[in-house]
Amino acid sequence: RDGRRARSLHNWSWEAVSVAVPTSLRNALT
């Protein structure tokens, strides 16, 4: 509602990965 974009990422694998992001993102929980 405040205009901010919220995103969720889900890794569906047993392997750890790193995902490049289009803009600086902040973890909503930590």
PDB file of all heavy atoms in Angstrom:
ATOM      1  N   ARG A   1       0.808  -1.222   0.000  1.00  0.00           N
ATOM      2  CA  ARG A   1       0.000   0.000   0.000  1.00  0.00           C
ATOM      3  C   ARG A   1       0.839   1.268   0.000  1.00  0.00           C
ATOM      4  O   ARG A   1       0.450   2.275  -0.549  1.00  0.00           O
ATOM      5  CB  ARG A   1      -0.916   0.026   1.216  1.00  0.00           C
ATOM      6  CG  ARG A   1      -2.058  -0.909   1.109  1.00  0.00           C
ATOM      7  CD  ARG A   1      -2.969  -0.720   2.292  1.00  0.00           C
ATOM      8  NE  ARG A   1      -4.040  -1.684   2.248  1.00  0.00           N
ATOM      9  CZ  ARG A   1      -5.020  -1.711   3.102  1.00  0.00           C
ATOM     10  NH1 ARG A   1      -5.071  -0.843   4.081  1.00  0.00           N
ATOM     11  NH2 ARG A   1      -5.955  -2.610   2.997  1.00  0.00           N
ATOM     12  N   ASP A   2       2.011   1.202   0.661  1.00  0.00           N
ATOM     13  CA  ASP A   2       2.873   2.391   0.721  1.00  0.00           C
ATOM     14  C   ASP A   2       3.713   2.567  -0.542  1.00  0.00           C
ATOM     15  O   ASP A   2       4.527   3.466  -0.623  1.00  0.00           O
ATOM     16  CB  ASP A   2       3.768   2.357   1.961  1.00  0.00           C
ATOM     17  CG  ASP A   2       4.738   1.190   1.972  1.00  0.00           C
ATOM     18  OD1 ASP A   2       4.794   0.423   0.981  1.00  0.00           O
ATOM     19  OD2 ASP A   2       5.452   1.035   2.980  1.00  0.00           O
ATOM     20  N   GLY A   3       3.549   1.699  -1.537  1.00  0.00           N
ATOM     21  CA  GLY A   3       4.238   1.829  -2.810  1.00  0.00           C
ATOM     22  C   GLY A   3       5.527   1.032  -2.918  1.00  0.00           C
ATOM     23  O   GLY A   3       6.101   0.938  -3.991  1.00  0.00           O
ATOM     24  N   ARG A   4       5.994   0.460  -1.809  1.00  0.00           N
ATOM     25  CA  ARG A   4       7.218  -0.346  -1.860  1.00  0.00           C
ATOM     26  C   ARG A   4       6.943  -1.684  -2.526  1.00  0.00           C
ATOM     27  O   ARG A   4       5.865  -2.238  -2.397  1.00  0.00           O
ATOM     28  CB  ARG A   4       7.778  -0.596  -0.458  1.00  0.00           C
ATOM     29  CG  ARG A   4       8.363   0.616   0.180  1.00  0.00           C
ATOM     30  CD  ARG A   4       8.994   0.280   1.510  1.00  0.00           C
ATOM     31  NE  ARG A   4       7.993  -0.340   2.384  1.00  0.00           N
ATOM     32  CZ  ARG A   4       8.278  -1.184   3.360  1.00  0.00           C
ATOM     33  NH1 ARG A   4       9.507  -1.510   3.612  1.00  0.00           N
ATOM     34  NH2 ARG A   4       7.314  -1.690   4.103  1.00  0.00           N
ATOM     35  N   ARG A   5       7.958  -2.180  -3.239  1.00  0.00           N
ATOM     36  CA  ARG A   5       7.868  -3.505  -3.838  1.00  0.00           C
ATOM     37  C   ARG A   5       8.276  -4.553  -2.812  1.00  0.00           C
ATOM     38  O   ARG A   5       9.291  -4.409  -2.153  1.00  0.00           O
ATOM     39  CB  ARG A   5       8.778  -3.627  -5.052  1.00  0.00           C
ATOM     40  CG  ARG A   5       8.455  -2.690  -6.192  1.00  0.00           C
ATOM     41  CD  ARG A   5       7.201  -3.038  -6.921  1.00  0.00           C
ATOM     42  NE  ARG A   5       7.339  -4.291  -7.611  1.00  0.00           N
ATOM     43  CZ  ARG A   5       6.317  -4.936  -8.155  1.00  0.00           C
ATOM     44  NH1 ARG A   5       5.111  -4.432  -8.090  1.00  0.00           N
ATOM     45  NH2 ARG A   5       6.501  -6.069  -8.756  1.00  0.00           N
ATOM     46  N   ALA A   6       7.477  -5.578  -2.647  1.00  0.00           N
ATOM     47  CA  ALA A   6       7.796  -6.710  -1.787  1.00  0.00           C
ATOM     48  C   ALA A   6       8.058  -7.907  -2.697  1.00  0.00           C
ATOM     49  O   ALA A   6       7.362  -8.099  -3.691  1.00  0.00           O
ATOM     50  CB  ALA A   6       6.639  -7.001  -0.849  1.00  0.00           C
ATOM     51  N   ARG A   7       9.080  -8.669  -2.369  1.00  0.00           N
ATOM     52  CA  ARG A   7       9.442  -9.825  -3.183  1.00  0.00           C
ATOM     53  C   ARG A   7       9.647 -11.037  -2.286  1.00  0.00           C
ATOM     54  O   ARG A   7      10.078 -10.890  -1.151  1.00  0.00           O
ATOM     55  CB  ARG A   7      10.727  -9.565  -3.957  1.00  0.00           C
ATOM     56  CG  ARG A   7      10.650  -8.357  -4.857  1.00  0.00           C
ATOM     57  CD  ARG A   7      12.013  -8.058  -5.457  1.00  0.00           C
ATOM     58  NE  ARG A   7      12.043  -6.784  -6.121  1.00  0.00           N
ATOM     59  CZ  ARG A   7      11.768  -6.581  -7.398  1.00  0.00           C
ATOM     60  NH1 ARG A   7      11.414  -7.601  -8.152  1.00  0.00           N
ATOM     61  NH2 ARG A   7      11.821  -5.391  -7.937  1.00  0.00           N
ATOM     62  N   SER A   8       9.355 -12.205  -2.803  1.00  0.00           N
ATOM     63  CA  SER A   8       9.675 -13.435  -2.090  1.00  0.00           C
ATOM     64  C   SER A   8      10.506 -14.308  -3.021  1.00  0.00           C
ATOM     65  O   SER A   8      10.233 -14.394  -4.215  1.00  0.00           O
ATOM     66  CB  SER A   8       8.420 -14.166  -1.625  1.00  0.00           C
ATOM     67  OG  SER A   8       7.701 -14.654  -2.727  1.00  0.00           O
ATOM     68  N   LEU A   9      11.533 -14.915  -2.465  1.00  0.00           N
ATOM     69  CA  LEU A   9      12.379 -15.841  -3.200  1.00  0.00           C
ATOM     70  C   LEU A   9      12.311 -17.193  -2.511  1.00  0.00           C
ATOM     71  O   LEU A   9      12.359 -17.271  -1.287  1.00  0.00           O
ATOM     72  CB  LEU A   9      13.840 -15.363  -3.199  1.00  0.00           C
ATOM     73  CG  LEU A   9      14.163 -14.115  -3.972  1.00  0.00           C
ATOM     74  CD1 LEU A   9      15.618 -13.732  -3.762  1.00  0.00           C
ATOM     75  CD2 LEU A   9      13.897 -14.326  -5.444  1.00  0.00           C
ATOM     76  N   HIS A  10      12.189 -18.256  -3.296  1.00  0.00           N
ATOM     77  CA  HIS A  10      12.140 -19.612  -2.745  1.00  0.00           C
ATOM     78  C   HIS A  10      13.109 -20.484  -3.535  1.00  0.00           C
ATOM     79  O   HIS A  10      12.996 -20.593  -4.748  1.00  0.00           O
ATOM     80  CB  HIS A  10      10.729 -20.182  -2.849  1.00  0.00           C
ATOM     81  CG  HIS A  10      10.584 -21.490  -2.142  1.00  0.00           C
ATOM     82  ND1 HIS A  10       9.411 -21.877  -1.578  1.00  0.00           N
ATOM     83  CD2 HIS A  10      11.444 -22.499  -1.890  1.00  0.00           C
ATOM     84  CE1 HIS A  10       9.558 -23.079  -1.017  1.00  0.00           C
ATOM     85  NE2 HIS A  10      10.798 -23.466  -1.215  1.00  0.00           N
ATOM     86  N   ASN A  11      14.042 -21.109  -2.823  1.00  0.00           N
ATOM     87  CA  ASN A  11      14.966 -22.061  -3.429  1.00  0.00           C
ATOM     88  C   ASN A  11      14.369 -23.456  -3.274  1.00  0.00           C
ATOM     89  O   ASN A  11      14.242 -23.960  -2.169  1.00  0.00           O
ATOM     90  CB  ASN A  11      16.338 -21.981  -2.744  1.00  0.00           C
ATOM     91  CG  ASN A  11      17.339 -22.929  -3.359  1.00  0.00           C
ATOM     92  OD1 ASN A  11      17.123 -23.476  -4.425  1.00  0.00           O
ATOM     93  ND2 ASN A  11      18.445 -23.133  -2.677  1.00  0.00           N
ATOM     94  N   TRP A  12      14.021 -24.091  -4.375  1.00  0.00           N
ATOM     95  CA  TRP A  12      13.379 -25.406  -4.371  1.00  0.00           C
ATOM     96  C   TRP A  12      14.396 -26.532  -4.504  1.00  0.00           C
ATOM     97  O   TRP A  12      14.109 -27.554  -5.101  1.00  0.00           O
ATOM     98  CB  TRP A  12      12.389 -25.484  -5.530  1.00  0.00           C
ATOM     99  CG  TRP A  12      11.268 -24.534  -5.427  1.00  0.00           C
ATOM    100  CD1 TRP A  12      11.227 -23.256  -5.898  1.00  0.00           C
ATOM    101  CD2 TRP A  12      10.005 -24.758  -4.813  1.00  0.00           C
ATOM    102  NE1 TRP A  12      10.031 -22.675  -5.618  1.00  0.00           N
ATOM    103  CE2 TRP A  12       9.249 -23.583  -4.938  1.00  0.00           C
ATOM    104  CE3 TRP A  12       9.434 -25.839  -4.153  1.00  0.00           C
ATOM    105  CZ2 TRP A  12       7.962 -23.464  -4.443  1.00  0.00           C
ATOM    106  CZ3 TRP A  12       8.151 -25.708  -3.664  1.00  0.00           C
ATOM    107  CH2 TRP A  12       7.431 -24.535  -3.818  1.00  0.00           C
ATOM    108  N   SER A  13      15.591 -26.365  -3.971  1.00  0.00           N
ATOM    109  CA  SER A  13      16.668 -27.323  -4.180  1.00  0.00           C
ATOM    110  C   SER A  13      17.382 -27.649  -2.867  1.00  0.00           C
ATOM    111  O   SER A  13      17.305 -26.895  -1.905  1.00  0.00           O
ATOM    112  CB  SER A  13      17.669 -26.726  -5.171  1.00  0.00           C
ATOM    113  OG  SER A  13      18.856 -27.464  -5.218  1.00  0.00           O
ATOM    114  N   TRP A  14      18.129 -28.752  -2.874  1.00  0.00           N
ATOM    115  CA  TRP A  14      18.971 -29.106  -1.736  1.00  0.00           C
ATOM    116  C   TRP A  14      20.287 -28.339  -1.763  1.00  0.00           C
ATOM    117  O   TRP A  14      21.072 -28.409  -0.827  1.00  0.00           O
ATOM    118  CB  TRP A  14      19.260 -30.603  -1.731  1.00  0.00           C
ATOM    119  CG  TRP A  14      18.081 -31.427  -1.355  1.00  0.00           C
ATOM    120  CD1 TRP A  14      17.300 -32.155  -2.206  1.00  0.00           C
ATOM    121  CD2 TRP A  14      17.535 -31.609  -0.052  1.00  0.00           C
ATOM    122  NE1 TRP A  14      16.299 -32.774  -1.509  1.00  0.00           N
ATOM    123  CE2 TRP A  14      16.422 -32.459  -0.172  1.00  0.00           C
ATOM    124  CE3 TRP A  14      17.875 -31.134   1.203  1.00  0.00           C
ATOM    125  CZ2 TRP A  14      15.663 -32.841   0.912  1.00  0.00           C
ATOM    126  CZ3 TRP A  14      17.110 -31.526   2.289  1.00  0.00           C
ATOM    127  CH2 TRP A  14      16.020 -32.372   2.126  1.00  0.00           C
ATOM    128  N   GLU A  15      20.567 -27.626  -2.834  1.00  0.00           N
ATOM    129  CA  GLU A  15      21.817 -26.887  -2.989  1.00  0.00           C
ATOM    130  C   GLU A  15      21.631 -25.420  -2.619  1.00  0.00           C
ATOM    131  O   GLU A  15      20.622 -24.809  -2.967  1.00  0.00           O
ATOM    132  CB  GLU A  15      22.303 -26.965  -4.444  1.00  0.00           C
ATOM    133  CG  GLU A  15      22.445 -28.381  -4.972  1.00  0.00           C
ATOM    134  CD  GLU A  15      23.496 -29.185  -4.225  1.00  0.00           C
ATOM    135  OE1 GLU A  15      24.519 -28.605  -3.831  1.00  0.00           O
ATOM    136  OE2 GLU A  15      23.270 -30.398  -4.032  1.00  0.00           O
ATOM    137  N   ALA A  16      22.614 -24.835  -1.937  1.00  0.00           N
ATOM    138  CA  ALA A  16      22.595 -23.401  -1.654  1.00  0.00           C
ATOM    139  C   ALA A  16      22.908 -22.646  -2.947  1.00  0.00           C
ATOM    140  O   ALA A  16      23.688 -23.120  -3.768  1.00  0.00           O
ATOM    141  CB  ALA A  16      23.623 -23.064  -0.585  1.00  0.00           C
ATOM    142  N   VAL A  17      22.265 -21.503  -3.143  1.00  0.00           N
ATOM    143  CA  VAL A  17      22.492 -20.693  -4.343  1.00  0.00           C
ATOM    144  C   VAL A  17      22.571 -19.218  -3.949  1.00  0.00           C
ATOM    145  O   VAL A  17      22.171 -18.826  -2.850  1.00  0.00           O
ATOM    146  CB  VAL A  17      21.369 -20.874  -5.395  1.00  0.00           C
ATOM    147  CG1 VAL A  17      21.319 -22.301  -5.894  1.00  0.00           C
ATOM    148  CG2 VAL A  17      20.030 -20.459  -4.854  1.00  0.00           C
ATOM    149  N   SER A  18      23.067 -18.416  -4.867  1.00  0.00           N
ATOM    150  CA  SER A  18      23.084 -16.968  -4.702  1.00  0.00           C
ATOM    151  C   SER A  18      22.407 -16.382  -5.933  1.00  0.00           C
ATOM    152  O   SER A  18      22.726 -16.761  -7.062  1.00  0.00           O
ATOM    153  CB  SER A  18      24.522 -16.465  -4.592  1.00  0.00           C
ATOM    154  OG  SER A  18      24.537 -15.079  -4.402  1.00  0.00           O
ATOM    155  N   VAL A  19      21.440 -15.481  -5.715  1.00  0.00           N
ATOM    156  CA  VAL A  19      20.660 -14.928  -6.809  1.00  0.00           C
ATOM    157  C   VAL A  19      20.949 -13.435  -6.941  1.00  0.00           C
ATOM    158  O   VAL A  19      20.784 -12.681  -5.980  1.00  0.00           O
ATOM    159  CB  VAL A  19      19.147 -15.142  -6.541  1.00  0.00           C
ATOM    160  CG1 VAL A  19      18.315 -14.522  -7.633  1.00  0.00           C
ATOM    161  CG2 VAL A  19      18.844 -16.607  -6.384  1.00  0.00           C
ATOM    162  N   ALA A  20      21.381 -13.020  -8.131  1.00  0.00           N
ATOM    163  CA  ALA A  20      21.596 -11.598  -8.392  1.00  0.00           C
ATOM    164  C   ALA A  20      20.242 -10.890  -8.355  1.00  0.00           C
ATOM    165  O   ALA A  20      19.231 -11.427  -8.813  1.00  0.00           O
ATOM    166  CB  ALA A  20      22.253 -11.405  -9.750  1.00  0.00           C
ATOM    167  N   VAL A  21      20.206  -9.683  -7.790  1.00  0.00           N
ATOM    168  CA  VAL A  21      18.954  -8.945  -7.666  1.00  0.00           C
ATOM    169  C   VAL A  21      19.018  -7.644  -8.479  1.00  0.00           C
ATOM    170  O   VAL A  21      20.092  -7.071  -8.638  1.00  0.00           O
ATOM    171  CB  VAL A  21      18.611  -8.648  -6.185  1.00  0.00           C
ATOM    172  CG1 VAL A  21      18.303  -9.940  -5.454  1.00  0.00           C
ATOM    173  CG2 VAL A  21      19.734  -7.920  -5.485  1.00  0.00           C
ATOM    174  N   PRO A  22      17.867  -7.198  -9.007  1.00  0.00           N
ATOM    175  CA  PRO A  22      17.851  -6.006  -9.855  1.00  0.00           C
ATOM    176  C   PRO A  22      18.049  -4.693  -9.093  1.00  0.00           C
ATOM    177  O   PRO A  22      18.384  -3.680  -9.686  1.00  0.00           O
ATOM    178  CB  PRO A  22      16.475  -6.058 -10.516  1.00  0.00           C
ATOM    179  CG  PRO A  22      15.638  -6.842  -9.563  1.00  0.00           C
ATOM    180  CD  PRO A  22      16.561  -7.834  -8.918  1.00  0.00           C
ATOM    181  N   THR A  23      17.816  -4.715  -7.795  1.00  0.00           N
ATOM    182  CA  THR A  23      17.968  -3.530  -6.965  1.00  0.00           C
ATOM    183  C   THR A  23      18.320  -3.981  -5.552  1.00  0.00           C
ATOM    184  O   THR A  23      18.121  -5.141  -5.215  1.00  0.00           O
ATOM    185  CB  THR A  23      16.675  -2.680  -6.956  1.00  0.00           C
ATOM    186  OG1 THR A  23      16.905  -1.481  -6.242  1.00  0.00           O
ATOM    187  CG2 THR A  23      15.508  -3.426  -6.352  1.00  0.00           C
ATOM    188  N   SER A  24      18.828  -3.093  -4.740  1.00  0.00           N
ATOM    189  CA  SER A  24      19.171  -3.438  -3.365  1.00  0.00           C
ATOM    190  C   SER A  24      17.909  -3.832  -2.607  1.00  0.00           C
ATOM    191  O   SER A  24      16.904  -3.125  -2.645  1.00  0.00           O
ATOM    192  CB  SER A  24      19.840  -2.234  -2.695  1.00  0.00           C
ATOM    193  OG  SER A  24      20.217  -2.540  -1.387  1.00  0.00           O
ATOM    194  N   LEU A  25      17.973  -4.991  -1.927  1.00  0.00           N
ATOM    195  CA  LEU A  25      16.809  -5.507  -1.203  1.00  0.00           C
ATOM    196  C   LEU A  25      17.139  -5.668   0.268  1.00  0.00           C
ATOM    197  O   LEU A  25      18.275  -5.897   0.649  1.00  0.00           O
ATOM    198  CB  LEU A  25      16.369  -6.840  -1.789  1.00  0.00           C
ATOM    199  CG  LEU A  25      15.933  -6.831  -3.249  1.00  0.00           C
ATOM    200  CD1 LEU A  25      15.659  -8.241  -3.728  1.00  0.00           C
ATOM    201  CD2 LEU A  25      14.716  -5.951  -3.447  1.00  0.00           C
ATOM    202  N   ARG A  26      16.105  -5.562   1.116  1.00  0.00           N
ATOM    203  CA  ARG A  26      16.244  -5.705   2.566  1.00  0.00           C
ATOM    204  C   ARG A  26      15.358  -6.870   3.020  1.00  0.00           C
ATOM    205  O   ARG A  26      14.188  -6.961   2.642  1.00  0.00           O
ATOM    206  CB  ARG A  26      15.806  -4.416   3.246  1.00  0.00           C
ATOM    207  CG  ARG A  26      15.892  -4.436   4.768  1.00  0.00           C
ATOM    208  CD  ARG A  26      15.508  -3.099   5.368  1.00  0.00           C
ATOM    209  NE  ARG A  26      16.393  -2.038   4.944  1.00  0.00           N
ATOM    210  CZ  ARG A  26      17.532  -1.706   5.564  1.00  0.00           C
ATOM    211  NH1 ARG A  26      17.910  -2.366   6.628  1.00  0.00           N
ATOM    212  NH2 ARG A  26      18.273  -0.719   5.118  1.00  0.00           N
ATOM    213  N   ASN A  27      15.921  -7.756   3.841  1.00  0.00           N
ATOM    214  CA  ASN A  27      15.174  -8.875   4.391  1.00  0.00           C
ATOM    215  C   ASN A  27      14.110  -8.333   5.339  1.00  0.00           C
ATOM    216  O   ASN A  27      14.420  -7.601   6.277  1.00  0.00           O
ATOM    217  CB  ASN A  27      16.125  -9.826   5.123  1.00  0.00           C
ATOM    218  CG  ASN A  27      15.468 -11.115   5.531  1.00  0.00           C
ATOM    219  OD1 ASN A  27      14.366 -11.113   6.073  1.00  0.00           O
ATOM    220  ND2 ASN A  27      16.149 -12.214   5.287  1.00  0.00           N
ATOM    221  N   ALA A  28      12.863  -8.683   5.118  1.00  0.00           N
ATOM    222  CA  ALA A  28      11.756  -8.150   5.912  1.00  0.00           C
ATOM    223  C   ALA A  28      11.776  -8.659   7.352  1.00  0.00           C
ATOM    224  O   ALA A  28      11.231  -8.005   8.239  1.00  0.00           O
ATOM    225  CB  ALA A  28      10.421  -8.504   5.262  1.00  0.00           C
ATOM    226  N   LEU A  29      12.422  -9.789   7.620  1.00  0.00           N
ATOM    227  CA  LEU A  29      12.437 -10.347   8.969  1.00  0.00           C
ATOM    228  C   LEU A  29      13.694  -9.994   9.756  1.00  0.00           C
ATOM    229  O   LEU A  29      13.630  -9.753  10.949  1.00  0.00           O
ATOM    230  CB  LEU A  29      12.281 -11.869   8.906  1.00  0.00           C
ATOM    231  CG  LEU A  29      10.995 -12.363   8.259  1.00  0.00           C
ATOM    232  CD1 LEU A  29      11.017 -13.883   8.153  1.00  0.00           C
ATOM    233  CD2 LEU A  29       9.790 -11.903   9.037  1.00  0.00           C
ATOM    234  N   THR A  30      14.858  -9.980   9.089  1.00  0.00           N
ATOM    235  CA  THR A  30      16.120  -9.755   9.799  1.00  0.00           C
ATOM    236  C   THR A  30      16.698  -8.366   9.588  1.00  0.00           C
ATOM    237  O   THR A  30      17.662  -7.999  10.236  1.00  0.00           O
ATOM    238  CB  THR A  30      17.184 -10.774   9.359  1.00  0.00           C
ATOM    239  OG1 THR A  30      17.513 -10.532   7.982  1.00  0.00           O
ATOM    240  CG2 THR A  30      16.695 -12.195   9.563  1.00  0.00           C
TER     241      THR A  30
END
